[in-house]
């Protein structure tokens, strides 16, 4: 419905957008807008490009950064995936610590939350 006009119901024979369509990037921006809608500042942020999503946090230690990702980023990603029906591919998911020192003192791994399984 647009304004007061409502078109008749029609079957969709070819749902989706063809690969390489110039409309694809524009529609994808709308599709993942809720996922990447985060403020980017010195504490972290998120960006999306085509079908990639990147989120990051900064902090005093790898352990604290891992906790921040577990508590802030992953629940948001899981909720978006559940709502949108998107599935994240585990083999394309990375978790990297960058430090200002040459050696990482402690490493931490991301774990699955109790709320929902990770679809990564």
Protein backbone atom coordinates (compact mmCIF):
# COMPACT_ATOMS: atom_id res chain seq x y z
CA UNK A 1 0.00 0.00 0.00
CA UNK A 2 1.32 3.43 -0.95
CA UNK A 3 -0.80 6.30 0.27
CA UNK A 4 -4.33 5.13 -0.38
CA UNK A 5 -3.44 2.87 -3.29
CA UNK A 6 -3.28 -0.86 -2.65
CA UNK A 7 -2.18 -3.09 -5.52
CA UNK A 8 -3.78 -6.46 -6.16
CA UNK A 9 -2.05 -9.50 -4.62
CA UNK A 10 0.22 -11.26 -7.10
CA UNK A 11 2.38 -14.38 -6.97
CA UNK A 12 6.13 -13.79 -6.92
CA UNK A 13 7.71 -16.09 -9.48
CA UNK A 14 11.35 -15.14 -8.93
CA UNK A 15 11.93 -13.97 -5.36
CA UNK A 16 15.23 -12.30 -4.61
CA UNK A 17 17.66 -10.15 -6.50
CA UNK A 18 19.94 -11.40 -9.27
CA UNK A 19 23.66 -11.74 -8.49
CA UNK A 20 25.44 -8.51 -9.44
CA UNK A 21 22.30 -6.39 -9.46
CA UNK A 22 23.10 -2.70 -8.88
CA UNK A 23 20.18 -2.67 -6.45
CA UNK A 24 21.77 -5.33 -4.17
CA UNK A 25 24.16 -3.08 -2.19
CA UNK A 26 21.43 -0.53 -1.54
CA UNK A 27 18.95 -3.13 -0.31
CA UNK A 28 21.60 -4.82 1.82
CA UNK A 29 22.25 -1.52 3.60
CA UNK A 30 18.60 -1.52 4.66
CA UNK A 31 18.69 -5.23 5.53
CA UNK A 32 21.64 -5.04 7.93
CA UNK A 33 21.11 -1.49 9.21
CA UNK A 34 20.02 -2.68 12.66
CA UNK A 35 23.12 -4.87 12.97
CA UNK A 36 25.67 -2.16 12.22
CA UNK A 37 23.82 0.71 13.90
CA UNK A 38 26.42 1.31 16.60
CA UNK A 39 28.34 4.41 17.51
CA UNK A 40 31.97 4.26 16.44
CA UNK A 41 34.20 5.76 19.10
CA UNK A 42 37.39 5.02 21.03
CA UNK A 43 35.66 2.10 22.82
CA UNK A 44 34.67 0.25 19.65
CA UNK A 45 32.16 0.08 16.86
CA UNK A 46 30.85 -1.92 13.92
CA UNK A 47 30.81 -1.67 10.14
CA UNK A 48 29.32 -3.67 7.33
CA UNK A 49 30.43 -3.98 3.74
CA UNK A 50 28.49 -6.01 1.20
CA UNK A 51 27.92 -9.28 3.15
CA UNK A 52 30.67 -8.77 5.75
CA UNK A 53 30.19 -7.57 9.32
CA UNK A 54 33.02 -6.36 11.55
CA UNK A 55 32.72 -5.31 15.18
CA UNK A 56 35.47 -4.36 17.58
CA UNK A 57 36.10 -3.20 21.11
CA UNK A 58 39.14 -1.61 22.71
CA UNK A 59 40.29 -1.90 26.28
CA UNK A 60 43.17 -2.46 28.66
CA UNK A 61 43.46 -6.23 28.17
CA UNK A 62 42.54 -9.07 25.86
CA UNK A 63 40.49 -10.63 28.64
CA UNK A 64 38.41 -7.49 29.19
CA UNK A 65 37.91 -7.11 25.43
CA UNK A 66 36.73 -10.71 25.17
CA UNK A 67 34.23 -10.13 27.99
CA UNK A 68 32.98 -6.95 26.28
CA UNK A 69 32.48 -8.84 23.01
CA UNK A 70 30.68 -11.67 24.84
CA UNK A 71 28.39 -9.29 26.72
CA UNK A 72 27.79 -6.50 24.19
CA UNK A 73 28.48 -7.60 20.62
CA UNK A 74 27.46 -11.28 20.48
CA UNK A 75 24.00 -10.87 22.08
CA UNK A 76 23.25 -8.10 19.57
CA UNK A 77 24.48 -10.24 16.66
CA UNK A 78 22.53 -13.29 17.85
CA UNK A 79 19.32 -11.27 18.25
CA UNK A 80 19.74 -9.76 14.78
CA UNK A 81 20.41 -13.18 13.24
CA UNK A 82 17.33 -14.65 14.89
CA UNK A 83 15.13 -11.75 13.79
CA UNK A 84 16.49 -11.53 10.24
CA UNK A 85 16.98 -15.23 9.57
CA UNK A 86 20.63 -14.65 8.70
CA UNK A 87 23.23 -17.33 9.37
CA UNK A 88 26.87 -16.48 10.06
CA UNK A 89 29.41 -18.95 8.71
CA UNK A 90 31.84 -20.14 11.39
CA UNK A 91 34.67 -20.75 8.93
CA UNK A 92 34.48 -17.12 7.85
CA UNK A 93 34.46 -15.73 11.39
CA UNK A 94 37.62 -14.38 12.97
CA UNK A 95 38.52 -13.24 16.47
CA UNK A 96 41.74 -11.26 16.66
CA UNK A 97 43.50 -9.44 19.50
CA UNK A 98 45.71 -6.50 18.55
CA UNK A 99 48.07 -5.20 21.23
CA UNK A 100 50.53 -2.36 21.62
CA UNK A 101 53.07 -4.79 23.10
CA UNK A 102 54.97 -7.54 21.33
CA UNK A 103 53.54 -10.34 23.48
CA UNK A 104 49.98 -11.08 24.43
CA UNK A 105 49.96 -11.87 28.13
CA UNK A 106 46.69 -13.72 28.27
CA UNK A 107 44.40 -15.13 25.64
CA UNK A 108 40.69 -15.77 25.89
CA UNK A 109 38.29 -17.61 23.65
CA UNK A 110 34.73 -16.72 22.80
CA UNK A 111 32.19 -19.18 24.11
CA UNK A 112 28.64 -19.95 23.18
CA UNK A 113 26.04 -18.08 25.22
CA UNK A 114 23.23 -19.82 27.00
CA UNK A 115 20.60 -17.65 25.33
CA UNK A 116 21.12 -18.91 21.81
CA UNK A 117 23.62 -20.99 19.89
CA UNK A 118 26.08 -19.09 17.77
CA UNK A 119 25.30 -19.44 14.10
CA UNK A 120 28.84 -18.42 13.16
